[in-house]
Amino acid sequence: MRTDFDFPKKDMIGSVVFRPDFNNFETINVNQAWSLFFSKGQDDKTLGQNVELGRFFTNLIIALVTVGSLWETFFSNVG
């Protein structure tokens, strides 16, 4: 079997945040941040370029923390 892929070995191993062409102190968007989180730092384009999915995950975390805090406040003294 013959493959036509010619990837440099240094770009195949290791996380994307340690590659020289990544981030050069630029800000990353929420999709890149969540993609890095979900892929354990291996890919920053897993979720694509649409920012709405990243905002959804961010708002989901905020909602879960808020609901958990309210639950603790209202039900901590019951029983």
C-alpha atoms as a PDB file:
ATOM      1  CA  MET A   1       0.000   0.000   0.000  1.00  0.00           C
ATOM      2  CA  ARG A   2       1.347   3.423  -0.938  1.00  0.00           C
ATOM      3  CA  THR A   3       0.408   6.657   0.780  1.00  0.00           C
ATOM      4  CA  ASP A   4       0.876  10.145  -0.574  1.00  0.00           C
ATOM      5  CA  PHE A   5       1.069  11.801   2.820  1.00  0.00           C
ATOM      6  CA  ASP A   6       4.334  13.463   3.733  1.00  0.00           C
ATOM      7  CA  PHE A   7       3.903  14.988   7.189  1.00  0.00           C
ATOM      8  CA  PRO A   8       6.977  16.135   9.073  1.00  0.00           C
ATOM      9  CA  LYS A   9       7.444  13.983  12.158  1.00  0.00           C
ATOM     10  CA  LYS A  10       7.818  17.001  14.470  1.00  0.00           C
ATOM     11  CA  ASP A  11       4.243  18.099  13.652  1.00  0.00           C
ATOM     12  CA  MET A  12       2.748  14.654  14.153  1.00  0.00           C
ATOM     13  CA  ILE A  13       3.806  14.092  17.750  1.00  0.00           C
ATOM     14  CA  GLY A  14       3.038  16.399  20.624  1.00  0.00           C
ATOM     15  CA  SER A  15       0.334  18.858  21.321  1.00  0.00           C
ATOM     16  CA  VAL A  16      -0.519  21.754  19.069  1.00  0.00           C
ATOM     17  CA  VAL A  17       0.292  24.381  21.715  1.00  0.00           C
ATOM     18  CA  PHE A  18       3.990  23.509  21.554  1.00  0.00           C
ATOM     19  CA  ARG A  19       4.254  23.901  17.782  1.00  0.00           C
ATOM     20  CA  PRO A  20       6.173  26.997  16.699  1.00  0.00           C
ATOM     21  CA  ASP A  21       3.410  28.286  14.409  1.00  0.00           C
ATOM     22  CA  PHE A  22       0.713  28.221  17.110  1.00  0.00           C
ATOM     23  CA  ASN A  23      -0.446  31.251  19.044  1.00  0.00           C
ATOM     24  CA  ASN A  24       2.603  33.588  18.951  1.00  0.00           C
ATOM     25  CA  PHE A  25       0.907  35.431  21.851  1.00  0.00           C
ATOM     26  CA  GLU A  26      -2.286  35.983  19.846  1.00  0.00           C
ATOM     27  CA  THR A  27      -5.683  35.646  21.468  1.00  0.00           C
ATOM     28  CA  ILE A  28      -7.613  32.491  20.653  1.00  0.00           C
ATOM     29  CA  ASN A  29     -11.371  32.283  20.271  1.00  0.00           C
ATOM     30  CA  VAL A  30     -13.708  30.152  22.385  1.00  0.00           C
ATOM     31  CA  ASN A  31     -13.868  27.383  19.766  1.00  0.00           C
ATOM     32  CA  GLN A  32     -10.100  27.003  19.804  1.00  0.00           C
ATOM     33  CA  ALA A  33     -10.073  26.921  23.599  1.00  0.00           C
ATOM     34  CA  TRP A  34     -12.798  24.271  23.824  1.00  0.00           C
ATOM     35  CA  SER A  35     -11.233  22.297  20.966  1.00  0.00           C
ATOM     36  CA  LEU A  36      -7.943  22.214  22.839  1.00  0.00           C
ATOM     37  CA  PHE A  37      -9.778  21.123  25.977  1.00  0.00           C
ATOM     38  CA  PHE A  38     -11.782  18.328  24.314  1.00  0.00           C
ATOM     39  CA  SER A  39      -8.852  17.031  22.243  1.00  0.00           C
ATOM     40  CA  LYS A  40      -6.400  17.184  25.175  1.00  0.00           C
ATOM     41  CA  GLY A  41      -4.322  19.824  23.420  1.00  0.00           C
ATOM     42  CA  GLN A  42      -3.912  17.876  20.177  1.00  0.00           C
ATOM     43  CA  ASP A  43      -6.078  19.976  17.826  1.00  0.00           C
ATOM     44  CA  ASP A  44      -7.381  23.526  17.957  1.00  0.00           C
ATOM     45  CA  LYS A  45      -9.811  23.204  15.036  1.00  0.00           C
ATOM     46  CA  THR A  46     -11.971  20.291  16.217  1.00  0.00           C
ATOM     47  CA  LEU A  47     -15.119  22.393  16.643  1.00  0.00           C
ATOM     48  CA  GLY A  48     -14.623  24.355  13.425  1.00  0.00           C
ATOM     49  CA  GLN A  49     -14.765  28.096  12.935  1.00  0.00           C
ATOM     50  CA  ASN A  50     -18.343  28.813  14.072  1.00  0.00           C
ATOM     51  CA  VAL A  51     -18.113  30.591  17.426  1.00  0.00           C
ATOM     52  CA  GLU A  52     -21.647  29.651  18.535  1.00  0.00           C
ATOM     53  CA  LEU A  53     -20.668  26.141  19.627  1.00  0.00           C
ATOM     54  CA  GLY A  54     -17.903  27.508  21.850  1.00  0.00           C
ATOM     55  CA  ARG A  55     -20.303  30.025  23.367  1.00  0.00           C
ATOM     56  CA  PHE A  56     -22.777  27.202  24.005  1.00  0.00           C
ATOM     57  CA  PHE A  57     -20.224  25.240  26.044  1.00  0.00           C
ATOM     58  CA  THR A  58     -19.192  28.361  27.959  1.00  0.00           C
ATOM     59  CA  ASN A  59     -22.806  29.247  28.777  1.00  0.00           C
ATOM     60  CA  LEU A  60     -23.492  25.622  29.728  1.00  0.00           C
ATOM     61  CA  ILE A  61     -20.681  25.707  32.300  1.00  0.00           C
ATOM     62  CA  ILE A  62     -21.942  29.029  33.684  1.00  0.00           C
ATOM     63  CA  ALA A  63     -25.494  27.626  33.946  1.00  0.00           C
ATOM     64  CA  LEU A  64     -24.303  24.457  35.701  1.00  0.00           C
ATOM     65  CA  VAL A  65     -22.295  26.436  38.248  1.00  0.00           C
ATOM     66  CA  THR A  66     -25.227  28.790  38.864  1.00  0.00           C
ATOM     67  CA  VAL A  67     -27.739  25.953  39.304  1.00  0.00           C
ATOM     68  CA  GLY A  68     -25.321  24.075  41.566  1.00  0.00           C
ATOM     69  CA  SER A  69     -24.802  27.151  43.740  1.00  0.00           C
ATOM     70  CA  LEU A  70     -28.537  27.804  44.008  1.00  0.00           C
ATOM     71  CA  TRP A  71     -29.178  24.125  44.788  1.00  0.00           C
ATOM     72  CA  GLU A  72     -26.586  24.250  47.575  1.00  0.00           C
ATOM     73  CA  THR A  73     -28.051  27.477  48.953  1.00  0.00           C
ATOM     74  CA  PHE A  74     -31.651  26.278  49.068  1.00  0.00           C
ATOM     75  CA  PHE A  75     -31.144  22.635  50.033  1.00  0.00           C
ATOM     76  CA  SER A  76     -28.121  22.710  52.339  1.00  0.00           C
ATOM     77  CA  ASN A  77     -30.179  23.094  55.546  1.00  0.00           C
ATOM     78  CA  VAL A  78     -32.970  20.690  54.636  1.00  0.00           C
ATOM     79  CA  GLY A  79     -33.093  17.486  56.560  1.00  0.00           C
END
